[in-house]
Amino acid sequence: SNIVLIGGDGAMKNNIILQSRAERIAWVDGLRGIAILLVVLGHVNPPFKKIIYGFHMALFFIISGFLFKDCYDKKLSQWIKAYFQRYIVPYFILCGVNFLIEALISICFRAGMFPFNKYLCGILYSYGSTEWMPNCSPLWFLTCLFCASCMLRSIHLITQSNSKRIIICLVLSGISYILDVLDVPRLPWNFGTAMMAVLFIEIGFQINKMDILNKLKYQGCGVQIFVCIIILFSATIGIILNPVEIVEFSANNYGSFILMIMGSVSASFLLMFFANIVGSSTASAKALTYLGRHTLFLMSFDYFSDFISVRVLQIFRVHNWLFSFCGKVLVLVIGLQLLQLAIKVIPNESAKKFLSKY
């Protein structure tokens, strides 16, 4: 069925709210659009970079958890195979494309200086830094999400108890935090970060399972404002007072464990709530939904867009983070349009289907 029945409380206690599955996916895509724009913005070093890094990666993991399906019709090996096809195959394809692009850039603009072996090792290890990955370091997220999804699927197959699942996820996140405290080098495929990500994915799963967003959505306006103020206060305290300069998931750099979780979960929930209320009906929401459906493309070519926009801005002698951000978004949107055009003109149906994933 395309219809989900949602019972409301408060002002709509006696009514049944009908919401199509397509509408729910649309607002989640809009939320993804916000999340990927935060990633692009964070990479131009704005003055409020600490706030963005305080929750933007956690938001991605929570969204993944919100869409996580709790079913038992497959063996773990089948799930691992499915996750591998969903995350790892695109990872190597997109890293390979960026590898070739960076090689061409090196030949044309950097006198042929191209660290072939270093980039190859960085891609195989998924070492998420620009030093080790050719303009595609944000793709560390895919290997991390693969590992985290496999771990969470294993936990869900082991126990159906929500409390036990939360405890296991907390233990894993604690191990990830200890790796940070001990300054242990990042593990292959970001396995250390994945142990932290499992907690956020499970939180997203529980938000959906308990229908928290809709329960709050159909409360009275006064209750909503009060709850949002409390959550905003929690997000502010968690992010601002965290002693680390920036929270950096790719490097297992969390600062205060409690403040990091408090800030990232609170800020992510606020954005989820507002995205759920706004939906996808307005022009701006539709634009965010469009970007949210192509986060993989935007994540993959974020740094390449920076390479192009910086050189264009240098012609006009402009050095400003806001112009850099707008320039990157413009380049990425143009790239998306070119991709859509290629999908239309390519005669091969298999190639169309493959490119449509991005």
Protein backbone atom coordinates (compact mmCIF):
# COMPACT_ATOMS: atom_id res chain seq x y z
CA SER A 1 0.00 0.00 0.00
CA ASN A 2 1.11 3.58 -0.68
CA ILE A 3 -0.75 4.87 2.37
CA VAL A 4 0.57 5.00 5.91
CA LEU A 5 -1.89 5.49 8.75
CA ILE A 6 -0.58 7.75 11.46
CA GLY A 7 -2.42 8.34 14.72
CA GLY A 8 -2.18 11.92 15.98
CA ASP A 9 -2.19 13.25 19.54
CA GLY A 10 -2.98 16.66 21.03
CA ALA A 11 -4.99 18.92 18.75
CA MET A 12 -5.55 16.06 16.28
CA LYS A 13 -6.03 13.28 18.80
CA ASN A 14 -9.26 11.99 17.32
CA ASN A 15 -8.21 12.18 13.67
CA ILE A 16 -6.37 9.78 11.40
CA ILE A 17 -3.66 11.39 9.30
CA LEU A 18 -3.06 10.00 5.84
CA GLN A 19 0.44 10.43 4.50
CA SER A 20 1.75 8.79 1.34
CA ARG A 21 5.05 6.97 1.35
CA ALA A 22 6.18 9.17 -1.54
CA GLU A 23 5.64 12.31 0.56
CA ARG A 24 7.69 10.86 3.41
CA ILE A 25 10.55 10.03 1.04
CA ALA A 26 10.35 13.52 -0.49
CA TRP A 27 10.89 15.33 2.80
CA VAL A 28 13.73 12.95 3.67
CA ASP A 29 15.32 13.79 0.31
CA GLY A 30 14.92 17.47 1.19
CA LEU A 31 16.71 16.78 4.47
CA ARG A 32 19.47 15.03 2.53
CA GLY A 33 19.72 18.15 0.38
CA ILE A 34 20.30 20.25 3.48
CA ALA A 35 22.88 17.78 4.75
CA ILE A 36 24.91 17.73 1.52
CA LEU A 37 24.85 21.54 1.29
CA LEU A 38 26.26 21.62 4.83
CA VAL A 39 29.08 19.33 3.66
CA VAL A 40 29.84 21.60 0.70
CA LEU A 41 29.65 24.68 2.94
CA GLY A 42 31.88 23.16 5.59
CA HIS A 43 34.63 22.55 3.02
CA VAL A 44 34.97 26.29 2.24
CA ASN A 45 35.90 27.02 5.88
CA PRO A 46 33.15 29.46 6.93
CA PRO A 47 33.52 31.23 10.31
CA PHE A 48 30.86 28.93 11.81
CA LYS A 49 32.60 25.74 10.66
CA LYS A 50 32.54 24.29 14.20
CA ILE A 51 28.73 24.38 14.24
CA ILE A 52 28.46 22.58 10.89
CA TYR A 53 30.98 19.91 11.82
CA GLY A 54 29.26 19.49 15.15
CA PHE A 55 26.40 17.56 13.58
CA HIS A 56 26.43 17.31 9.77
CA MET A 57 27.96 13.83 9.48
CA ALA A 58 25.86 12.54 12.37
CA LEU A 59 22.83 13.83 10.45
CA PHE A 60 23.73 11.64 7.47
CA PHE A 61 24.00 8.57 9.71
CA ILE A 62 20.71 9.36 11.46
CA ILE A 63 18.97 9.72 8.08
CA SER A 64 20.40 6.32 7.09
CA GLY A 65 18.97 4.88 10.29
CA PHE A 66 15.59 6.51 9.68
CA LEU A 67 15.40 4.57 6.39
CA PHE A 68 16.82 1.36 7.89
CA LYS A 69 14.45 -1.61 7.49
CA ASP A 70 14.09 -4.01 10.40
CA CYS A 71 13.36 -7.29 8.60
CA TYR A 72 14.58 -10.85 8.94
CA ASP A 73 13.83 -12.43 5.57
CA LYS A 74 17.48 -12.65 4.53
CA LYS A 75 20.67 -14.17 5.88
CA LEU A 76 23.44 -11.83 7.03
CA SER A 77 25.56 -12.85 4.02
CA GLN A 78 22.76 -11.69 1.70
CA TRP A 79 22.57 -8.34 3.48
CA ILE A 80 26.33 -7.89 3.27
CA LYS A 81 26.19 -8.58 -0.46
CA ALA A 82 23.37 -6.04 -0.86
CA TYR A 83 25.25 -3.40 1.15
CA PHE A 84 28.41 -4.07 -0.85
CA GLN A 85 26.56 -3.41 -4.10
CA ARG A 86 24.88 -0.32 -2.65
CA TYR A 87 27.93 1.35 -1.12
CA ILE A 88 31.25 -0.24 -2.12
CA VAL A 89 30.69 -0.68 -5.87
CA PRO A 90 29.77 3.04 -6.29
CA TYR A 91 32.69 3.93 -3.99
CA PHE A 92 35.31 2.35 -6.26
CA ILE A 93 33.63 3.60 -9.45
CA LEU A 94 33.47 7.20 -8.25
CA CYS A 95 36.98 7.05 -6.79
CA GLY A 96 38.17 5.74 -10.15
CA VAL A 97 36.52 8.62 -12.02
CA ASN A 98 38.12 11.15 -9.67
CA PHE A 99 41.44 9.32 -10.01
CA LEU A 100 41.35 9.90 -13.79
CA ILE A 101 40.23 13.52 -13.39
CA GLU A 102 43.03 14.25 -10.94
CA ALA A 103 45.54 12.61 -13.30
CA LEU A 104 44.41 14.95 -16.12
CA ILE A 105 44.57 17.97 -13.80
CA SER A 106 48.10 17.00 -12.77
CA ILE A 107 49.21 16.71 -16.38
CA CYS A 108 47.64 20.04 -17.41
CA PHE A 109 48.18 22.22 -14.34
CA ARG A 110 50.77 20.61 -12.06
CA ALA A 111 53.61 19.60 -14.39
CA GLY A 112 52.68 15.93 -14.25
CA MET A 113 53.07 15.59 -10.46
CA PHE A 114 50.68 12.74 -9.68
CA PRO A 115 51.22 10.44 -6.64
CA PHE A 116 49.81 7.34 -8.33
CA ASN A 117 50.80 4.81 -5.66
CA LYS A 118 49.75 7.02 -2.76
CA TYR A 119 46.31 7.67 -4.20
CA LEU A 120 45.85 4.00 -5.03
CA CYS A 121 46.69 2.98 -1.46
CA GLY A 122 44.46 5.76 -0.09
CA ILE A 123 41.49 4.57 -2.14
CA LEU A 124 41.96 0.91 -1.20
CA TYR A 125 42.31 1.85 2.49
CA SER A 126 39.59 4.55 2.23
CA TYR A 127 41.81 7.04 4.01
CA GLY A 128 39.54 10.09 4.02
CA SER A 129 41.92 12.97 3.43
CA THR A 130 42.81 15.01 0.35
CA GLU A 131 46.43 13.93 0.79
CA TRP A 132 45.56 10.27 0.21
CA MET A 133 42.47 10.39 -2.02
CA PRO A 134 42.28 12.25 -5.37
CA ASN A 135 39.63 14.94 -4.83
CA CYS A 136 37.21 12.34 -3.47
CA SER A 137 38.01 12.08 0.23
CA PRO A 138 34.33 12.64 1.24
CA LEU A 139 33.65 9.18 -0.18
CA TRP A 140 35.12 7.71 3.02
CA PHE A 141 31.51 7.95 4.16
CA LEU A 142 30.50 5.05 1.88
CA THR A 143 32.97 2.51 3.29
CA CYS A 144 32.14 3.67 6.80
CA LEU A 145 28.41 3.33 6.15
CA PHE A 146 28.96 -0.14 4.69
CA CYS A 147 30.78 -1.31 7.82
CA ALA A 148 28.26 0.37 10.14
CA SER A 149 25.27 -1.09 8.26
CA CYS A 150 26.73 -4.60 8.43
CA MET A 151 27.34 -4.19 12.17
CA LEU A 152 23.86 -2.87 12.85
CA ARG A 153 22.25 -5.59 10.72
CA SER A 154 24.17 -8.17 12.79
CA ILE A 155 22.91 -6.56 16.02
CA HIS A 156 19.32 -6.58 14.77
CA LEU A 157 19.59 -10.26 13.83
CA ILE A 158 21.07 -11.12 17.24
CA THR A 159 18.36 -9.43 19.32
CA GLN A 160 14.98 -7.78 18.81
CA SER A 161 15.16 -6.00 22.16
CA ASN A 162 15.47 -2.22 21.69
CA SER A 163 17.24 -1.78 25.03
CA LYS A 164 19.83 -4.46 24.21
CA ARG A 165 20.42 -2.94 20.79
CA ILE A 166 21.01 0.48 22.32
CA ILE A 167 23.41 -0.96 24.90
CA ILE A 168 25.44 -2.77 22.22
CA CYS A 169 25.56 0.39 20.10
CA LEU A 170 26.70 2.44 23.10
CA VAL A 171 29.48 -0.06 23.80
CA LEU A 172 30.66 0.11 20.18
CA SER A 173 30.56 3.92 20.20
CA GLY A 174 32.52 3.86 23.46
CA ILE A 175 35.21 1.74 21.79
CA SER A 176 35.35 4.24 18.91
CA TYR A 177 35.77 7.06 21.42
CA ILE A 178 38.58 5.19 23.21
CA LEU A 179 40.37 4.80 19.87
CA ASP A 180 40.19 8.59 19.58
CA VAL A 181 41.50 9.15 23.13
CA LEU A 182 44.37 6.70 22.55
CA ASP A 183 45.10 8.38 19.20
CA VAL A 184 44.96 5.05 17.38
CA PRO A 185 45.47 5.50 13.60
CA ARG A 186 42.27 5.23 11.60
CA LEU A 187 41.36 1.68 10.69
CA PRO A 188 40.81 0.33 7.15
CA TRP A 189 37.47 1.33 5.61
CA ASN A 190 36.94 3.63 8.60
CA PHE A 191 35.90 0.72 10.79
CA GLY A 192 36.63 2.71 13.96
CA THR A 193 34.32 5.52 12.90
CA ALA A 194 31.71 2.94 11.86
CA MET A 195 31.48 1.78 15.48
CA MET A 196 30.46 5.34 16.42
CA ALA A 197 28.14 5.62 13.41
CA VAL A 198 26.19 2.53 14.50
CA LEU A 199 24.82 4.48 17.46
CA PHE A 200 23.52 7.31 15.27
CA ILE A 201 22.02 4.91 12.73
CA GLU A 202 20.18 3.12 15.54
CA ILE A 203 18.96 6.47 16.89
CA GLY A 204 17.56 7.31 13.46
CA PHE A 205 15.92 3.89 13.30
CA GLN A 206 14.27 4.42 16.69
CA ILE A 207 13.04 7.90 15.73
CA ASN A 208 11.21 6.33 12.80
CA LYS A 209 10.03 3.23 14.66
CA MET A 210 8.60 5.25 17.55
CA ASP A 211 7.12 7.80 15.10
CA ILE A 212 8.54 10.63 17.23
CA LEU A 213 8.48 13.24 14.46
CA ASN A 214 4.78 12.82 13.71
CA LYS A 215 3.84 12.63 17.38
CA LEU A 216 5.49 16.01 17.87
CA LYS A 217 4.18 17.35 14.56
CA TYR A 218 0.57 16.96 15.65
CA GLN A 219 0.97 18.43 19.09
CA GLY A 220 -0.16 21.96 19.84
CA CYS A 221 1.97 24.89 18.69
CA GLY A 222 2.92 25.77 22.27
CA VAL A 223 4.20 22.27 22.95
CA GLN A 224 6.19 22.27 19.71
CA ILE A 225 7.83 25.61 20.50
CA PHE A 226 8.71 24.51 24.03
CA VAL A 227 10.22 21.20 22.85
CA CYS A 228 12.17 22.91 20.05
CA ILE A 229 13.61 25.49 22.46
CA ILE A 230 14.79 22.72 24.79
CA ILE A 231 16.34 20.76 21.91
CA LEU A 232 17.96 23.91 20.46
CA PHE A 233 19.47 24.68 23.86
CA SER A 234 20.81 21.12 24.06
CA ALA A 235 22.28 21.39 20.53
CA THR A 236 23.93 24.73 21.32
CA ILE A 237 25.49 23.51 24.56
CA GLY A 238 26.67 20.25 22.99
CA ILE A 239 28.30 21.85 19.95
CA ILE A 240 29.67 25.12 21.35
CA LEU A 241 31.04 23.75 24.62
CA ASN A 242 32.69 20.72 23.02
CA PRO A 243 36.41 21.46 23.65
CA VAL A 244 37.60 20.10 20.29
CA GLU A 245 38.15 22.64 17.50
CA ILE A 246 35.89 20.66 15.15
CA VAL A 247 34.25 17.25 15.41
CA GLU A 248 35.71 15.21 12.57
CA PHE A 249 34.20 11.76 12.10
CA SER A 250 36.58 10.80 9.31
CA ALA A 251 39.52 11.17 11.70
CA ASN A 252 37.81 9.78 14.84
CA ASN A 253 38.08 13.23 16.43
CA TYR A 254 35.09 13.70 18.74
CA GLY A 255 36.14 15.88 21.66
CA SER A 256 33.77 15.28 24.57
CA PHE A 257 31.82 12.04 24.05
CA ILE A 258 28.68 13.22 25.85
CA LEU A 259 28.68 16.75 24.39
CA MET A 260 29.30 15.42 20.89
CA ILE A 261 26.34 13.04 21.06
CA MET A 262 24.10 15.62 22.73
CA GLY A 263 24.89 18.33 20.19
CA SER A 264 24.78 16.21 17.05
CA VAL A 265 21.59 14.30 17.92
CA SER A 266 19.75 17.45 19.05
CA ALA A 267 20.70 19.52 16.00
CA SER A 268 19.91 16.63 13.65
CA PHE A 269 16.50 16.06 15.24
CA LEU A 270 15.61 19.75 14.90
CA LEU A 271 16.41 19.71 11.19
CA MET A 272 14.45 16.49 10.75
CA PHE A 273 11.44 17.99 12.49
CA PHE A 274 11.45 21.17 10.40
CA ALA A 275 11.99 19.22 7.16
CA ASN A 276 9.07 16.97 8.06
CA ILE A 277 6.82 19.99 8.68
CA VAL A 278 7.81 21.87 5.52
CA GLY A 279 7.57 18.77 3.32
CA SER A 280 8.39 19.27 -0.36
CA SER A 281 5.69 21.62 -1.62
CA THR A 282 7.57 24.94 -1.73
CA ALA A 283 10.05 25.87 -4.46
CA SER A 284 13.01 25.88 -2.05
CA ALA A 285 11.95 22.50 -0.64
CA LYS A 286 11.73 21.06 -4.16
CA ALA A 287 15.22 22.35 -4.92
CA LEU A 288 16.56 20.71 -1.75
CA THR A 289 14.73 17.50 -2.65
CA TYR A 290 16.40 17.53 -6.07
CA LEU A 291 19.84 17.91 -4.49
CA GLY A 292 19.00 15.29 -1.88
CA ARG A 293 18.30 12.72 -4.58
CA HIS A 294 21.82 13.23 -5.96
CA THR A 295 23.91 13.42 -2.78
CA LEU A 296 26.29 10.76 -4.08
CA PHE A 297 27.17 12.87 -7.13
CA LEU A 298 27.54 16.05 -5.05
CA MET A 299 29.68 14.30 -2.46
CA SER A 300 31.89 12.74 -5.13
CA PHE A 301 32.67 15.93 -7.03
CA ASP A 302 32.63 18.47 -4.22
CA TYR A 303 36.39 19.03 -4.34
CA PHE A 304 36.48 19.03 -8.14
CA SER A 305 33.84 21.78 -8.12
CA ASP A 306 36.08 23.70 -5.74
CA PHE A 307 38.98 23.38 -8.19
CA ILE A 308 36.85 24.95 -10.94
CA SER A 309 35.12 27.66 -8.88
CA VAL A 310 38.36 28.82 -7.24
CA ARG A 311 39.99 29.41 -10.61
CA VAL A 312 36.96 31.31 -11.91
CA LEU A 313 36.85 33.46 -8.77
CA GLN A 314 40.59 34.16 -9.08
CA ILE A 315 39.92 35.79 -12.46
CA PHE A 316 37.68 38.29 -10.67
CA ARG A 317 40.05 38.44 -7.67
CA VAL A 318 37.35 37.28 -5.30
CA HIS A 319 38.41 35.51 -2.10
CA ASN A 320 35.37 34.94 0.07
CA TRP A 321 33.88 31.80 1.60
CA LEU A 322 30.32 32.75 0.60
CA PHE A 323 31.26 33.28 -3.06
CA SER A 324 33.26 30.04 -2.97
CA PHE A 325 30.24 28.16 -1.62
CA CYS A 326 27.87 29.64 -4.22
CA GLY A 327 30.40 28.94 -6.98
CA LYS A 328 30.75 25.30 -5.92
CA VAL A 329 26.99 24.80 -5.78
CA LEU A 330 26.61 26.34 -9.24
CA VAL A 331 29.30 24.07 -10.70
CA LEU A 332 27.75 21.01 -9.07
CA VAL A 333 24.26 21.86 -10.34
CA ILE A 334 25.63 22.36 -13.86
CA GLY A 335 27.37 19.00 -13.56
CA LEU A 336 24.10 17.41 -12.47
CA GLN A 337 22.31 18.89 -15.48
CA LEU A 338 24.99 17.51 -17.78
CA LEU A 339 24.56 14.10 -16.16
CA GLN A 340 20.79 14.25 -16.69
CA LEU A 341 21.36 15.21 -20.32
CA ALA A 342 23.75 12.29 -20.79
CA ILE A 343 21.16 9.92 -19.32
CA LYS A 344 18.58 11.14 -21.86
CA VAL A 345 20.78 10.84 -24.97
CA ILE A 346 22.56 7.58 -24.18
CA PRO A 347 20.78 4.83 -26.14
CA ASN A 348 21.87 1.93 -23.93
CA GLU A 349 19.21 1.19 -21.27
CA SER A 350 21.69 -0.48 -18.90
CA ALA A 351 23.91 2.61 -18.99
CA LYS A 352 20.86 4.83 -18.34
CA LYS A 353 19.87 2.77 -15.33
CA PHE A 354 23.43 2.79 -13.99
CA LEU A 355 23.90 6.56 -14.32
CA SER A 356 20.47 7.24 -12.81
CA LYS A 357 21.76 5.94 -9.47
CA TYR A 358 23.93 9.02 -9.09
